[in-house]
mmCIF file of all heavy atoms, coordinates in Angstrom:
data_MODEL
# 
_entry.id   MODEL 
# 
loop_
_atom_site.group_PDB 
_atom_site.id 
_atom_site.type_symbol 
_atom_site.label_atom_id 
_atom_site.label_alt_id 
_atom_site.label_comp_id 
_atom_site.label_asym_id 
_atom_site.label_entity_id 
_atom_site.label_seq_id 
_atom_site.pdbx_PDB_ins_code 
_atom_site.Cartn_x 
_atom_site.Cartn_y 
_atom_site.Cartn_z 
_atom_site.occupancy 
_atom_site.B_iso_or_equiv 
_atom_site.pdbx_formal_charge 
_atom_site.auth_seq_id 
_atom_site.auth_comp_id 
_atom_site.auth_asym_id 
_atom_site.auth_atom_id 
_atom_site.pdbx_PDB_model_num 
ATOM 1   N N   . ARG A 1 1  ? 5.788   -8.178  -3.861  1.00 0.00 ? 1  ARG A N   1 
ATOM 2   C CA  . ARG A 1 1  ? 7.001   -7.828  -3.117  1.00 0.00 ? 1  ARG A CA  1 
ATOM 3   C C   . ARG A 1 1  ? 8.079   -7.237  -4.024  1.00 0.00 ? 1  ARG A C   1 
ATOM 4   O O   . ARG A 1 1  ? 8.871   -6.413  -3.609  1.00 0.00 ? 1  ARG A O   1 
ATOM 5   C CB  . ARG A 1 1  ? 7.526   -9.072  -2.405  1.00 0.00 ? 1  ARG A CB  1 
ATOM 6   C CG  . ARG A 1 1  ? 6.799   -9.394  -1.105  1.00 0.00 ? 1  ARG A CG  1 
ATOM 7   C CD  . ARG A 1 1  ? 7.536   -10.451 -0.310  1.00 0.00 ? 1  ARG A CD  1 
ATOM 8   N NE  . ARG A 1 1  ? 7.473   -11.762 -0.954  1.00 0.00 ? 1  ARG A NE  1 
ATOM 9   C CZ  . ARG A 1 1  ? 6.543   -12.676 -0.717  1.00 0.00 ? 1  ARG A CZ  1 
ATOM 10  N NH1 . ARG A 1 1  ? 5.579   -12.417 0.158   1.00 0.00 ? 1  ARG A NH1 1 
ATOM 11  N NH2 . ARG A 1 1  ? 6.549   -13.845 -1.335  1.00 0.00 ? 1  ARG A NH2 1 
ATOM 12  N N   . MET A 1 2  ? 8.115   -7.669  -5.295  1.00 0.00 ? 2  MET A N   1 
ATOM 13  C CA  . MET A 1 2  ? 9.145   -7.203  -6.221  1.00 0.00 ? 2  MET A CA  1 
ATOM 14  C C   . MET A 1 2  ? 8.725   -5.953  -7.002  1.00 0.00 ? 2  MET A C   1 
ATOM 15  O O   . MET A 1 2  ? 9.531   -5.379  -7.724  1.00 0.00 ? 2  MET A O   1 
ATOM 16  C CB  . MET A 1 2  ? 9.494   -8.334  -7.206  1.00 0.00 ? 2  MET A CB  1 
ATOM 17  C CG  . MET A 1 2  ? 10.116  -9.558  -6.562  1.00 0.00 ? 2  MET A CG  1 
ATOM 18  S SD  . MET A 1 2  ? 10.351  -10.910 -7.744  1.00 0.00 ? 2  MET A SD  1 
ATOM 19  C CE  . MET A 1 2  ? 11.483  -10.151 -8.899  1.00 0.00 ? 2  MET A CE  1 
ATOM 20  N N   . ALA A 1 3  ? 7.500   -5.543  -6.878  1.00 0.00 ? 3  ALA A N   1 
ATOM 21  C CA  . ALA A 1 3  ? 6.992   -4.426  -7.683  1.00 0.00 ? 3  ALA A CA  1 
ATOM 22  C C   . ALA A 1 3  ? 7.692   -3.120  -7.311  1.00 0.00 ? 3  ALA A C   1 
ATOM 23  O O   . ALA A 1 3  ? 7.864   -2.810  -6.130  1.00 0.00 ? 3  ALA A O   1 
ATOM 24  C CB  . ALA A 1 3  ? 5.488   -4.278  -7.465  1.00 0.00 ? 3  ALA A CB  1 
ATOM 25  N N   . PRO A 1 4  ? 8.102   -2.342  -8.321  1.00 0.00 ? 4  PRO A N   1 
ATOM 26  C CA  . PRO A 1 4  ? 8.750   -1.046  -8.063  1.00 0.00 ? 4  PRO A CA  1 
ATOM 27  C C   . PRO A 1 4  ? 7.731   0.075   -7.888  1.00 0.00 ? 4  PRO A C   1 
ATOM 28  O O   . PRO A 1 4  ? 7.992   1.224   -8.245  1.00 0.00 ? 4  PRO A O   1 
ATOM 29  C CB  . PRO A 1 4  ? 9.587   -0.841  -9.322  1.00 0.00 ? 4  PRO A CB  1 
ATOM 30  C CG  . PRO A 1 4  ? 8.780   -1.471  -10.401 1.00 0.00 ? 4  PRO A CG  1 
ATOM 31  C CD  . PRO A 1 4  ? 8.074   -2.660  -9.771  1.00 0.00 ? 4  PRO A CD  1 
ATOM 32  N N   . ASP A 1 5  ? 6.572   -0.257  -7.369  1.00 0.00 ? 5  ASP A N   1 
ATOM 33  C CA  . ASP A 1 5  ? 5.490   0.707   -7.221  1.00 0.00 ? 5  ASP A CA  1 
ATOM 34  C C   . ASP A 1 5  ? 4.986   0.708   -5.781  1.00 0.00 ? 5  ASP A C   1 
ATOM 35  O O   . ASP A 1 5  ? 5.307   -0.182  -4.989  1.00 0.00 ? 5  ASP A O   1 
ATOM 36  C CB  . ASP A 1 5  ? 4.307   0.353   -8.144  1.00 0.00 ? 5  ASP A CB  1 
ATOM 37  C CG  . ASP A 1 5  ? 4.699   0.236   -9.602  1.00 0.00 ? 5  ASP A CG  1 
ATOM 38  O OD1 . ASP A 1 5  ? 5.057   1.266   -10.193 1.00 0.00 ? 5  ASP A OD1 1 
ATOM 39  O OD2 . ASP A 1 5  ? 4.652   -0.886  -10.148 1.00 0.00 ? 5  ASP A OD2 1 
ATOM 40  N N   . ALA A 1 6  ? 4.154   1.715   -5.489  1.00 0.00 ? 6  ALA A N   1 
ATOM 41  C CA  . ALA A 1 6  ? 3.421   1.696   -4.231  1.00 0.00 ? 6  ALA A CA  1 
ATOM 42  C C   . ALA A 1 6  ? 2.287   0.692   -4.388  1.00 0.00 ? 6  ALA A C   1 
ATOM 43  O O   . ALA A 1 6  ? 1.400   0.868   -5.223  1.00 0.00 ? 6  ALA A O   1 
ATOM 44  C CB  . ALA A 1 6  ? 2.869   3.090   -3.925  1.00 0.00 ? 6  ALA A CB  1 
ATOM 45  N N   . VAL A 1 7  ? 2.335   -0.382  -3.624  1.00 0.00 ? 7  VAL A N   1 
ATOM 46  C CA  . VAL A 1 7  ? 1.332   -1.442  -3.728  1.00 0.00 ? 7  VAL A CA  1 
ATOM 47  C C   . VAL A 1 7  ? 0.402   -1.373  -2.524  1.00 0.00 ? 7  VAL A C   1 
ATOM 48  O O   . VAL A 1 7  ? 0.852   -1.347  -1.376  1.00 0.00 ? 7  VAL A O   1 
ATOM 49  C CB  . VAL A 1 7  ? 1.995   -2.835  -3.803  1.00 0.00 ? 7  VAL A CB  1 
ATOM 50  C CG1 . VAL A 1 7  ? 0.922   -3.928  -3.912  1.00 0.00 ? 7  VAL A CG1 1 
ATOM 51  C CG2 . VAL A 1 7  ? 2.952   -2.906  -4.987  1.00 0.00 ? 7  VAL A CG2 1 
ATOM 52  N N   . VAL A 1 8  ? -0.885  -1.335  -2.830  1.00 0.00 ? 8  VAL A N   1 
ATOM 53  C CA  . VAL A 1 8  ? -1.897  -1.270  -1.778  1.00 0.00 ? 8  VAL A CA  1 
ATOM 54  C C   . VAL A 1 8  ? -2.960  -2.323  -2.076  1.00 0.00 ? 8  VAL A C   1 
ATOM 55  O O   . VAL A 1 8  ? -3.432  -2.439  -3.206  1.00 0.00 ? 8  VAL A O   1 
ATOM 56  C CB  . VAL A 1 8  ? -2.561  0.124   -1.712  1.00 0.00 ? 8  VAL A CB  1 
ATOM 57  C CG1 . VAL A 1 8  ? -3.645  0.144   -0.641  1.00 0.00 ? 8  VAL A CG1 1 
ATOM 58  C CG2 . VAL A 1 8  ? -1.519  1.200   -1.428  1.00 0.00 ? 8  VAL A CG2 1 
ATOM 59  N N   . VAL A 1 9  ? -3.309  -3.099  -1.046  1.00 0.00 ? 9  VAL A N   1 
ATOM 60  C CA  . VAL A 1 9  ? -4.413  -4.051  -1.154  1.00 0.00 ? 9  VAL A CA  1 
ATOM 61  C C   . VAL A 1 9  ? -5.499  -3.590  -0.188  1.00 0.00 ? 9  VAL A C   1 
ATOM 62  O O   . VAL A 1 9  ? -5.220  -3.331  0.988   1.00 0.00 ? 9  VAL A O   1 
ATOM 63  C CB  . VAL A 1 9  ? -3.962  -5.487  -0.803  1.00 0.00 ? 9  VAL A CB  1 
ATOM 64  C CG1 . VAL A 1 9  ? -5.131  -6.457  -0.986  1.00 0.00 ? 9  VAL A CG1 1 
ATOM 65  C CG2 . VAL A 1 9  ? -2.776  -5.902  -1.667  1.00 0.00 ? 9  VAL A CG2 1 
ATOM 66  N N   . HIS A 1 10 ? -6.727  -3.465  -0.691  1.00 0.00 ? 10 HIS A N   1 
ATOM 67  C CA  . HIS A 1 10 ? -7.827  -3.098  0.196   1.00 0.00 ? 10 HIS A CA  1 
ATOM 68  C C   . HIS A 1 10 ? -9.028  -3.987  -0.092  1.00 0.00 ? 10 HIS A C   1 
ATOM 69  O O   . HIS A 1 10 ? -9.171  -4.547  -1.186  1.00 0.00 ? 10 HIS A O   1 
ATOM 70  C CB  . HIS A 1 10 ? -8.187  -1.618  0.052   1.00 0.00 ? 10 HIS A CB  1 
ATOM 71  C CG  . HIS A 1 10 ? -8.656  -1.220  -1.316  1.00 0.00 ? 10 HIS A CG  1 
ATOM 72  N ND1 . HIS A 1 10 ? -9.954  -1.368  -1.734  1.00 0.00 ? 10 HIS A ND1 1 
ATOM 73  C CD2 . HIS A 1 10 ? -7.976  -0.661  -2.356  1.00 0.00 ? 10 HIS A CD2 1 
ATOM 74  C CE1 . HIS A 1 10 ? -10.073 -0.908  -2.968  1.00 0.00 ? 10 HIS A CE1 1 
ATOM 75  N NE2 . HIS A 1 10 ? -8.882  -0.481  -3.377  1.00 0.00 ? 10 HIS A NE2 1 
ATOM 76  N N   . ASP A 1 11 ? -9.891  -4.140  0.909   1.00 0.00 ? 11 ASP A N   1 
ATOM 77  C CA  . ASP A 1 11 ? -11.056 -5.000  0.740   1.00 0.00 ? 11 ASP A CA  1 
ATOM 78  C C   . ASP A 1 11 ? -12.147 -4.246  -0.024  1.00 0.00 ? 11 ASP A C   1 
ATOM 79  O O   . ASP A 1 11 ? -11.949 -3.094  -0.462  1.00 0.00 ? 11 ASP A O   1 
ATOM 80  C CB  . ASP A 1 11 ? -11.545 -5.511  2.095   1.00 0.00 ? 11 ASP A CB  1 
ATOM 81  C CG  . ASP A 1 11 ? -11.962 -4.393  3.036   1.00 0.00 ? 11 ASP A CG  1 
ATOM 82  O OD1 . ASP A 1 11 ? -12.277 -3.273  2.560   1.00 0.00 ? 11 ASP A OD1 1 
ATOM 83  O OD2 . ASP A 1 11 ? -11.949 -4.610  4.265   1.00 0.00 ? 11 ASP A OD2 1 
ATOM 84  N N   . MET A 1 12 ? -13.302 -4.878  -0.168  1.00 0.00 ? 12 MET A N   1 
ATOM 85  C CA  . MET A 1 12 ? -14.369 -4.291  -0.957  1.00 0.00 ? 12 MET A CA  1 
ATOM 86  C C   . MET A 1 12 ? -15.018 -3.104  -0.256  1.00 0.00 ? 12 MET A C   1 
ATOM 87  O O   . MET A 1 12 ? -15.802 -2.379  -0.857  1.00 0.00 ? 12 MET A O   1 
ATOM 88  C CB  . MET A 1 12 ? -15.423 -5.357  -1.287  1.00 0.00 ? 12 MET A CB  1 
ATOM 89  C CG  . MET A 1 12 ? -14.839 -6.580  -2.015  1.00 0.00 ? 12 MET A CG  1 
ATOM 90  S SD  . MET A 1 12 ? -13.755 -6.145  -3.433  1.00 0.00 ? 12 MET A SD  1 
ATOM 91  C CE  . MET A 1 12 ? -14.938 -5.367  -4.551  1.00 0.00 ? 12 MET A CE  1 
ATOM 92  N N   . GLU A 1 13 ? -14.694 -2.901  1.021   1.00 0.00 ? 13 GLU A N   1 
ATOM 93  C CA  . GLU A 1 13 ? -15.150 -1.701  1.741   1.00 0.00 ? 13 GLU A CA  1 
ATOM 94  C C   . GLU A 1 13 ? -14.058 -0.629  1.759   1.00 0.00 ? 13 GLU A C   1 
ATOM 95  O O   . GLU A 1 13 ? -14.153 0.357   2.492   1.00 0.00 ? 13 GLU A O   1 
ATOM 96  C CB  . GLU A 1 13 ? -15.545 -2.060  3.181   1.00 0.00 ? 13 GLU A CB  1 
ATOM 97  C CG  . GLU A 1 13 ? -16.876 -2.781  3.309   1.00 0.00 ? 13 GLU A CG  1 
ATOM 98  C CD  . GLU A 1 13 ? -16.791 -4.217  2.808   1.00 0.00 ? 13 GLU A CD  1 
ATOM 99  O OE1 . GLU A 1 13 ? -15.763 -4.887  3.095   1.00 0.00 ? 13 GLU A OE1 1 
ATOM 100 O OE2 . GLU A 1 13 ? -17.734 -4.676  2.133   1.00 0.00 ? 13 GLU A OE2 1 
ATOM 101 N N   . ASN A 1 14 ? -13.005 -0.862  0.972   1.00 0.00 ? 14 ASN A N   1 
ATOM 102 C CA  . ASN A 1 14 ? -11.902 0.095   0.826   1.00 0.00 ? 14 ASN A CA  1 
ATOM 103 C C   . ASN A 1 14 ? -11.054 0.251   2.083   1.00 0.00 ? 14 ASN A C   1 
ATOM 104 O O   . ASN A 1 14 ? -10.394 1.283   2.274   1.00 0.00 ? 14 ASN A O   1 
ATOM 105 C CB  . ASN A 1 14 ? -12.400 1.473   0.365   1.00 0.00 ? 14 ASN A CB  1 
ATOM 106 C CG  . ASN A 1 14 ? -12.850 1.461   -1.077  1.00 0.00 ? 14 ASN A CG  1 
ATOM 107 O OD1 . ASN A 1 14 ? -12.276 0.762   -1.906  1.00 0.00 ? 14 ASN A OD1 1 
ATOM 108 N ND2 . ASN A 1 14 ? -13.883 2.232   -1.380  1.00 0.00 ? 14 ASN A ND2 1 
ATOM 109 N N   . CYS A 1 15 ? -11.040 -0.765  2.950   1.00 0.00 ? 15 CYS A N   1 
ATOM 110 C CA  . CYS A 1 15 ? -10.155 -0.736  4.114   1.00 0.00 ? 15 CYS A CA  1 
ATOM 111 C C   . CYS A 1 15 ? -8.843  -1.444  3.767   1.00 0.00 ? 15 CYS A C   1 
ATOM 112 O O   . CYS A 1 15 ? -8.843  -2.498  3.122   1.00 0.00 ? 15 CYS A O   1 
ATOM 113 C CB  . CYS A 1 15 ? -10.818 -1.420  5.295   1.00 0.00 ? 15 CYS A CB  1 
ATOM 114 S SG  . CYS A 1 15 ? -12.229 -0.492  5.941   1.00 0.00 ? 15 CYS A SG  1 
ATOM 115 N N   . VAL A 1 16 ? -7.728  -0.859  4.192   1.00 0.00 ? 16 VAL A N   1 
ATOM 116 C CA  . VAL A 1 16 ? -6.408  -1.341  3.794   1.00 0.00 ? 16 VAL A CA  1 
ATOM 117 C C   . VAL A 1 16 ? -6.092  -2.702  4.429   1.00 0.00 ? 16 VAL A C   1 
ATOM 118 O O   . VAL A 1 16 ? -6.239  -2.892  5.637   1.00 0.00 ? 16 VAL A O   1 
ATOM 119 C CB  . VAL A 1 16 ? -5.324  -0.321  4.190   1.00 0.00 ? 16 VAL A CB  1 
ATOM 120 C CG1 . VAL A 1 16 ? -3.937  -0.865  3.854   1.00 0.00 ? 16 VAL A CG1 1 
ATOM 121 C CG2 . VAL A 1 16 ? -5.554  1.004   3.468   1.00 0.00 ? 16 VAL A CG2 1 
ATOM 122 N N   . LEU A 1 17 ? -5.628  -3.625  3.563   1.00 0.00 ? 17 LEU A N   1 
ATOM 123 C CA  . LEU A 1 17 ? -5.174  -4.938  4.023   1.00 0.00 ? 17 LEU A CA  1 
ATOM 124 C C   . LEU A 1 17 ? -3.659  -5.078  3.907   1.00 0.00 ? 17 LEU A C   1 
ATOM 125 O O   . LEU A 1 17 ? -3.055  -5.865  4.635   1.00 0.00 ? 17 LEU A O   1 
ATOM 126 C CB  . LEU A 1 17 ? -5.850  -6.050  3.194   1.00 0.00 ? 17 LEU A CB  1 
ATOM 127 C CG  . LEU A 1 17 ? -7.379  -6.098  3.213   1.00 0.00 ? 17 LEU A CG  1 
ATOM 128 C CD1 . LEU A 1 17 ? -7.875  -7.146  2.227   1.00 0.00 ? 17 LEU A CD1 1 
ATOM 129 C CD2 . LEU A 1 17 ? -7.898  -6.374  4.611   1.00 0.00 ? 17 LEU A CD2 1 
ATOM 130 N N   . TYR A 1 18 ? -3.080  -4.318  2.985   1.00 0.00 ? 18 TYR A N   1 
ATOM 131 C CA  . TYR A 1 18 ? -1.634  -4.423  2.750   1.00 0.00 ? 18 TYR A CA  1 
ATOM 132 C C   . TYR A 1 18 ? -1.143  -3.083  2.222   1.00 0.00 ? 18 TYR A C   1 
ATOM 133 O O   . TYR A 1 18 ? -1.810  -2.415  1.426   1.00 0.00 ? 18 TYR A O   1 
ATOM 134 C CB  . TYR A 1 18 ? -1.345  -5.544  1.746   1.00 0.00 ? 18 TYR A CB  1 
ATOM 135 C CG  . TYR A 1 18 ? 0.111   -5.654  1.345   1.00 0.00 ? 18 TYR A CG  1 
ATOM 136 C CD1 . TYR A 1 18 ? 1.035   -6.275  2.172   1.00 0.00 ? 18 TYR A CD1 1 
ATOM 137 C CD2 . TYR A 1 18 ? 0.556   -5.131  0.131   1.00 0.00 ? 18 TYR A CD2 1 
ATOM 138 C CE1 . TYR A 1 18 ? 2.367   -6.378  1.807   1.00 0.00 ? 18 TYR A CE1 1 
ATOM 139 C CE2 . TYR A 1 18 ? 1.885   -5.233  -0.248  1.00 0.00 ? 18 TYR A CE2 1 
ATOM 140 C CZ  . TYR A 1 18 ? 2.796   -5.853  0.589   1.00 0.00 ? 18 TYR A CZ  1 
ATOM 141 O OH  . TYR A 1 18 ? 4.114   -5.952  0.226   1.00 0.00 ? 18 TYR A OH  1 
ATOM 142 N N   . TRP A 1 19 ? 0.074   -2.715  2.636   1.00 0.00 ? 19 TRP A N   1 
ATOM 143 C CA  . TRP A 1 19 ? 0.602   -1.364  2.337   1.00 0.00 ? 19 TRP A CA  1 
ATOM 144 C C   . TRP A 1 19 ? 2.118   -1.500  2.348   1.00 0.00 ? 19 TRP A C   1 
ATOM 145 O O   . TRP A 1 19 ? 2.726   -1.639  3.393   1.00 0.00 ? 19 TRP A O   1 
ATOM 146 C CB  . TRP A 1 19 ? 0.109   -0.426  3.435   1.00 0.00 ? 19 TRP A CB  1 
ATOM 147 C CG  . TRP A 1 19 ? 0.372   1.048   3.315   1.00 0.00 ? 19 TRP A CG  1 
ATOM 148 C CD1 . TRP A 1 19 ? 1.454   1.727   3.774   1.00 0.00 ? 19 TRP A CD1 1 
ATOM 149 C CD2 . TRP A 1 19 ? -0.519  2.030   2.783   1.00 0.00 ? 19 TRP A CD2 1 
ATOM 150 N NE1 . TRP A 1 19 ? 1.316   3.071   3.560   1.00 0.00 ? 19 TRP A NE1 1 
ATOM 151 C CE2 . TRP A 1 19 ? 0.096   3.290   2.956   1.00 0.00 ? 19 TRP A CE2 1 
ATOM 152 C CE3 . TRP A 1 19 ? -1.775  1.973   2.174   1.00 0.00 ? 19 TRP A CE3 1 
ATOM 153 C CZ2 . TRP A 1 19 ? -0.500  4.477   2.530   1.00 0.00 ? 19 TRP A CZ2 1 
ATOM 154 C CZ3 . TRP A 1 19 ? -2.367  3.147   1.763   1.00 0.00 ? 19 TRP A CZ3 1 
ATOM 155 C CH2 . TRP A 1 19 ? -1.746  4.379   1.934   1.00 0.00 ? 19 TRP A CH2 1 
ATOM 156 N N   . ASN A 1 20 ? 2.747   -1.499  1.167   1.00 0.00 ? 20 ASN A N   1 
ATOM 157 C CA  . ASN A 1 20 ? 4.182   -1.775  1.139   1.00 0.00 ? 20 ASN A CA  1 
ATOM 158 C C   . ASN A 1 20 ? 5.013   -0.528  1.449   1.00 0.00 ? 20 ASN A C   1 
ATOM 159 O O   . ASN A 1 20 ? 4.477   0.572   1.675   1.00 0.00 ? 20 ASN A O   1 
ATOM 160 C CB  . ASN A 1 20 ? 4.588   -2.416  -0.195  1.00 0.00 ? 20 ASN A CB  1 
ATOM 161 C CG  . ASN A 1 20 ? 4.634   -1.417  -1.345  1.00 0.00 ? 20 ASN A CG  1 
ATOM 162 O OD1 . ASN A 1 20 ? 4.108   -0.309  -1.250  1.00 0.00 ? 20 ASN A OD1 1 
ATOM 163 N ND2 . ASN A 1 20 ? 5.250   -1.819  -2.450  1.00 0.00 ? 20 ASN A ND2 1 
ATOM 164 N N   . ARG A 1 21 ? 6.332   -0.706  1.445   1.00 0.00 ? 21 ARG A N   1 
ATOM 165 C CA  . ARG A 1 21 ? 7.233   0.388   1.836   1.00 0.00 ? 21 ARG A CA  1 
ATOM 166 C C   . ARG A 1 21 ? 7.130   1.578   0.894   1.00 0.00 ? 21 ARG A C   1 
ATOM 167 O O   . ARG A 1 21 ? 7.180   2.745   1.325   1.00 0.00 ? 21 ARG A O   1 
ATOM 168 C CB  . ARG A 1 21 ? 8.678   -0.125  1.863   1.00 0.00 ? 21 ARG A CB  1 
ATOM 169 C CG  . ARG A 1 21 ? 9.693   0.933   2.325   1.00 0.00 ? 21 ARG A CG  1 
ATOM 170 C CD  . ARG A 1 21 ? 11.100  0.385   2.285   1.00 0.00 ? 21 ARG A CD  1 
ATOM 171 N NE  . ARG A 1 21 ? 11.441  -0.146  0.971   1.00 0.00 ? 21 ARG A NE  1 
ATOM 172 C CZ  . ARG A 1 21 ? 11.797  0.625   -0.074  1.00 0.00 ? 21 ARG A CZ  1 
ATOM 173 N NH1 . ARG A 1 21 ? 11.837  1.949   0.068   1.00 0.00 ? 21 ARG A NH1 1 
ATOM 174 N NH2 . ARG A 1 21 ? 12.117  0.082   -1.233  1.00 0.00 ? 21 ARG A NH2 1 
ATOM 175 N N   . LEU A 1 22 ? 6.981   1.323   -0.407  1.00 0.00 ? 22 LEU A N   1 
ATOM 176 C CA  . LEU A 1 22 ? 6.873   2.425   -1.357  1.00 0.00 ? 22 LEU A CA  1 
ATOM 177 C C   . LEU A 1 22 ? 5.561   3.184   -1.189  1.00 0.00 ? 22 LEU A C   1 
ATOM 178 O O   . LEU A 1 22 ? 5.494   4.386   -1.471  1.00 0.00 ? 22 LEU A O   1 
ATOM 179 C CB  . LEU A 1 22 ? 7.010   1.898   -2.790  1.00 0.00 ? 22 LEU A CB  1 
ATOM 180 C CG  . LEU A 1 22 ? 8.414   1.386   -3.153  1.00 0.00 ? 22 LEU A CG  1 
ATOM 181 C CD1 . LEU A 1 22 ? 8.428   0.779   -4.547  1.00 0.00 ? 22 LEU A CD1 1 
ATOM 182 C CD2 . LEU A 1 22 ? 9.430   2.521   -3.069  1.00 0.00 ? 22 LEU A CD2 1 
ATOM 183 N N   . ALA A 1 23 ? 4.533   2.482   -0.714  1.00 0.00 ? 23 ALA A N   1 
ATOM 184 C CA  . ALA A 1 23 ? 3.283   3.175   -0.388  1.00 0.00 ? 23 ALA A CA  1 
ATOM 185 C C   . ALA A 1 23 ? 3.492   4.086   0.819   1.00 0.00 ? 23 ALA A C   1 
ATOM 186 O O   . ALA A 1 23 ? 2.947   5.197   0.878   1.00 0.00 ? 23 ALA A O   1 
ATOM 187 C CB  . ALA A 1 23 ? 2.179   2.161   -0.107  1.00 0.00 ? 23 ALA A CB  1 
ATOM 188 N N   . GLU A 1 24 ? 4.290   3.631   1.782   1.00 0.00 ? 24 GLU A N   1 
ATOM 189 C CA  . GLU A 1 24 ? 4.622   4.479   2.925   1.00 0.00 ? 24 GLU A CA  1 
ATOM 190 C C   . GLU A 1 24 ? 5.345   5.744   2.460   1.00 0.00 ? 24 GLU A C   1 
ATOM 191 O O   . GLU A 1 24 ? 5.063   6.851   2.936   1.00 0.00 ? 24 GLU A O   1 
ATOM 192 C CB  . GLU A 1 24 ? 5.499   3.705   3.910   1.00 0.00 ? 24 GLU A CB  1 
ATOM 193 C CG  . GLU A 1 24 ? 4.802   2.541   4.595   1.00 0.00 ? 24 GLU A CG  1 
ATOM 194 C CD  . GLU A 1 24 ? 5.731   1.795   5.554   1.00 0.00 ? 24 GLU A CD  1 
ATOM 195 O OE1 . GLU A 1 24 ? 6.959   2.022   5.470   1.00 0.00 ? 24 GLU A OE1 1 
ATOM 196 O OE2 . GLU A 1 24 ? 5.233   1.009   6.374   1.00 0.00 ? 24 GLU A OE2 1 
ATOM 197 N N   . ASP A 1 25 ? 6.285   5.559   1.520   1.00 0.00 ? 25 ASP A N   1 
ATOM 198 C CA  . ASP A 1 25 ? 7.042   6.721   1.007   1.00 0.00 ? 25 ASP A CA  1 
ATOM 199 C C   . ASP A 1 25 ? 6.144   7.693   0.254   1.00 0.00 ? 25 ASP A C   1 
ATOM 200 O O   . ASP A 1 25 ? 6.289   8.921   0.370   1.00 0.00 ? 25 ASP A O   1 
ATOM 201 C CB  . ASP A 1 25 ? 8.161   6.241   0.084   1.00 0.00 ? 25 ASP A CB  1 
ATOM 202 C CG  . ASP A 1 25 ? 9.215   5.431   0.815   1.00 0.00 ? 25 ASP A CG  1 
ATOM 203 O OD1 . ASP A 1 25 ? 9.294   5.558   2.059   1.00 0.00 ? 25 ASP A OD1 1 
ATOM 204 O OD2 . ASP A 1 25 ? 9.947   4.661   0.159   1.00 0.00 ? 25 ASP A OD2 1 
ATOM 205 N N   . LEU A 1 26 ? 5.205   7.163   -0.533  1.00 0.00 ? 26 LEU A N   1 
ATOM 206 C CA  . LEU A 1 26 ? 4.350   8.016   -1.357  1.00 0.00 ? 26 LEU A CA  1 
ATOM 207 C C   . LEU A 1 26 ? 3.297   8.744   -0.540  1.00 0.00 ? 26 LEU A C   1 
ATOM 208 O O   . LEU A 1 26 ? 3.099   9.957   -0.702  1.00 0.00 ? 26 LEU A O   1 
ATOM 209 C CB  . LEU A 1 26 ? 3.676   7.174   -2.455  1.00 0.00 ? 26 LEU A CB  1 
ATOM 210 C CG  . LEU A 1 26 ? 2.657   7.894   -3.354  1.00 0.00 ? 26 LEU A CG  1 
ATOM 211 C CD1 . LEU A 1 26 ? 3.295   9.110   -4.042  1.00 0.00 ? 26 LEU A CD1 1 
ATOM 212 C CD2 . LEU A 1 26 ? 2.080   6.930   -4.396  1.00 0.00 ? 26 LEU A CD2 1 
ATOM 213 N N   . TYR A 1 27 ? 2.649   8.024   0.359   1.00 0.00 ? 27 TYR A N   1 
ATOM 214 C CA  . TYR A 1 27 ? 1.494   8.608   1.048   1.00 0.00 ? 27 TYR A CA  1 
ATOM 215 C C   . TYR A 1 27 ? 1.814   9.140   2.448   1.00 0.00 ? 27 TYR A C   1 
ATOM 216 O O   . TYR A 1 27 ? 1.043   9.938   2.984   1.00 0.00 ? 27 TYR A O   1 
ATOM 217 C CB  . TYR A 1 27 ? 0.373   7.569   1.137   1.00 0.00 ? 27 TYR A CB  1 
ATOM 218 C CG  . TYR A 1 27 ? -0.096  7.106   -0.230  1.00 0.00 ? 27 TYR A CG  1 
ATOM 219 C CD1 . TYR A 1 27 ? 0.203   5.828   -0.688  1.00 0.00 ? 27 TYR A CD1 1 
ATOM 220 C CD2 . TYR A 1 27 ? -0.824  7.945   -1.066  1.00 0.00 ? 27 TYR A CD2 1 
ATOM 221 C CE1 . TYR A 1 27 ? -0.219  5.395   -1.942  1.00 0.00 ? 27 TYR A CE1 1 
ATOM 222 C CE2 . TYR A 1 27 ? -1.252  7.530   -2.317  1.00 0.00 ? 27 TYR A CE2 1 
ATOM 223 C CZ  . TYR A 1 27 ? -0.938  6.251   -2.747  1.00 0.00 ? 27 TYR A CZ  1 
ATOM 224 O OH  . TYR A 1 27 ? -1.353  5.833   -3.984  1.00 0.00 ? 27 TYR A OH  1 
ATOM 225 N N   . GLY A 1 28 ? 2.916   8.688   3.040   1.00 0.00 ? 28 GLY A N   1 
ATOM 226 C CA  . GLY A 1 28 ? 3.326   9.249   4.325   1.00 0.00 ? 28 GLY A CA  1 
ATOM 227 C C   . GLY A 1 28 ? 2.854   8.505   5.554   1.00 0.00 ? 28 GLY A C   1 
ATOM 228 O O   . GLY A 1 28 ? 3.262   8.850   6.665   1.00 0.00 ? 28 GLY A O   1 
ATOM 229 N N   . TRP A 1 29 ? 1.978   7.514   5.404   1.00 0.00 ? 29 TRP A N   1 
ATOM 230 C CA  . TRP A 1 29 ? 1.538   6.714   6.556   1.00 0.00 ? 29 TRP A CA  1 
ATOM 231 C C   . TRP A 1 29 ? 2.305   5.400   6.595   1.00 0.00 ? 29 TRP A C   1 
ATOM 232 O O   . TRP A 1 29 ? 2.558   4.786   5.539   1.00 0.00 ? 29 TRP A O   1 
ATOM 233 C CB  . TRP A 1 29 ? 0.044   6.378   6.454   1.00 0.00 ? 29 TRP A CB  1 
ATOM 234 C CG  . TRP A 1 29 ? -0.878  7.517   6.798   1.00 0.00 ? 29 TRP A CG  1 
ATOM 235 C CD1 . TRP A 1 29 ? -1.257  7.932   8.029   1.00 0.00 ? 29 TRP A CD1 1 
ATOM 236 C CD2 . TRP A 1 29 ? -1.537  8.388   5.865   1.00 0.00 ? 29 TRP A CD2 1 
ATOM 237 N NE1 . TRP A 1 29 ? -2.131  8.997   7.950   1.00 0.00 ? 29 TRP A NE1 1 
ATOM 238 C CE2 . TRP A 1 29 ? -2.316  9.306   6.625   1.00 0.00 ? 29 TRP A CE2 1 
ATOM 239 C CE3 . TRP A 1 29 ? -1.550  8.490   4.484   1.00 0.00 ? 29 TRP A CE3 1 
ATOM 240 C CZ2 . TRP A 1 29 ? -3.099  10.294  6.044   1.00 0.00 ? 29 TRP A CZ2 1 
ATOM 241 C CZ3 . TRP A 1 29 ? -2.321  9.471   3.890   1.00 0.00 ? 29 TRP A CZ3 1 
ATOM 242 C CH2 . TRP A 1 29 ? -3.072  10.365  4.669   1.00 0.00 ? 29 TRP A CH2 1 
ATOM 243 N N   . SER A 1 30 ? 2.658   4.962   7.770   1.00 0.00 ? 30 SER A N   1 
ATOM 244 C CA  . SER A 1 30 ? 3.307   3.662   7.895   1.00 0.00 ? 30 SER A CA  1 
ATOM 245 C C   . SER A 1 30 ? 2.269   2.557   7.743   1.00 0.00 ? 30 SER A C   1 
ATOM 246 O O   . SER A 1 30 ? 1.058   2.785   7.845   1.00 0.00 ? 30 SER A O   1 
ATOM 247 C CB  . SER A 1 30 ? 3.996   3.536   9.256   1.00 0.00 ? 30 SER A CB  1 
ATOM 248 O OG  . SER A 1 30 ? 3.018   3.465   10.295  1.00 0.00 ? 30 SER A OG  1 
# 
């Protein structure tokens, strides 16, 4: 939550589990 980066968590099949606000800004998807 405190990271100044785009943080993404995905499972072993590469499906998104978590996508923070900075990831939304970087990649464009909510």
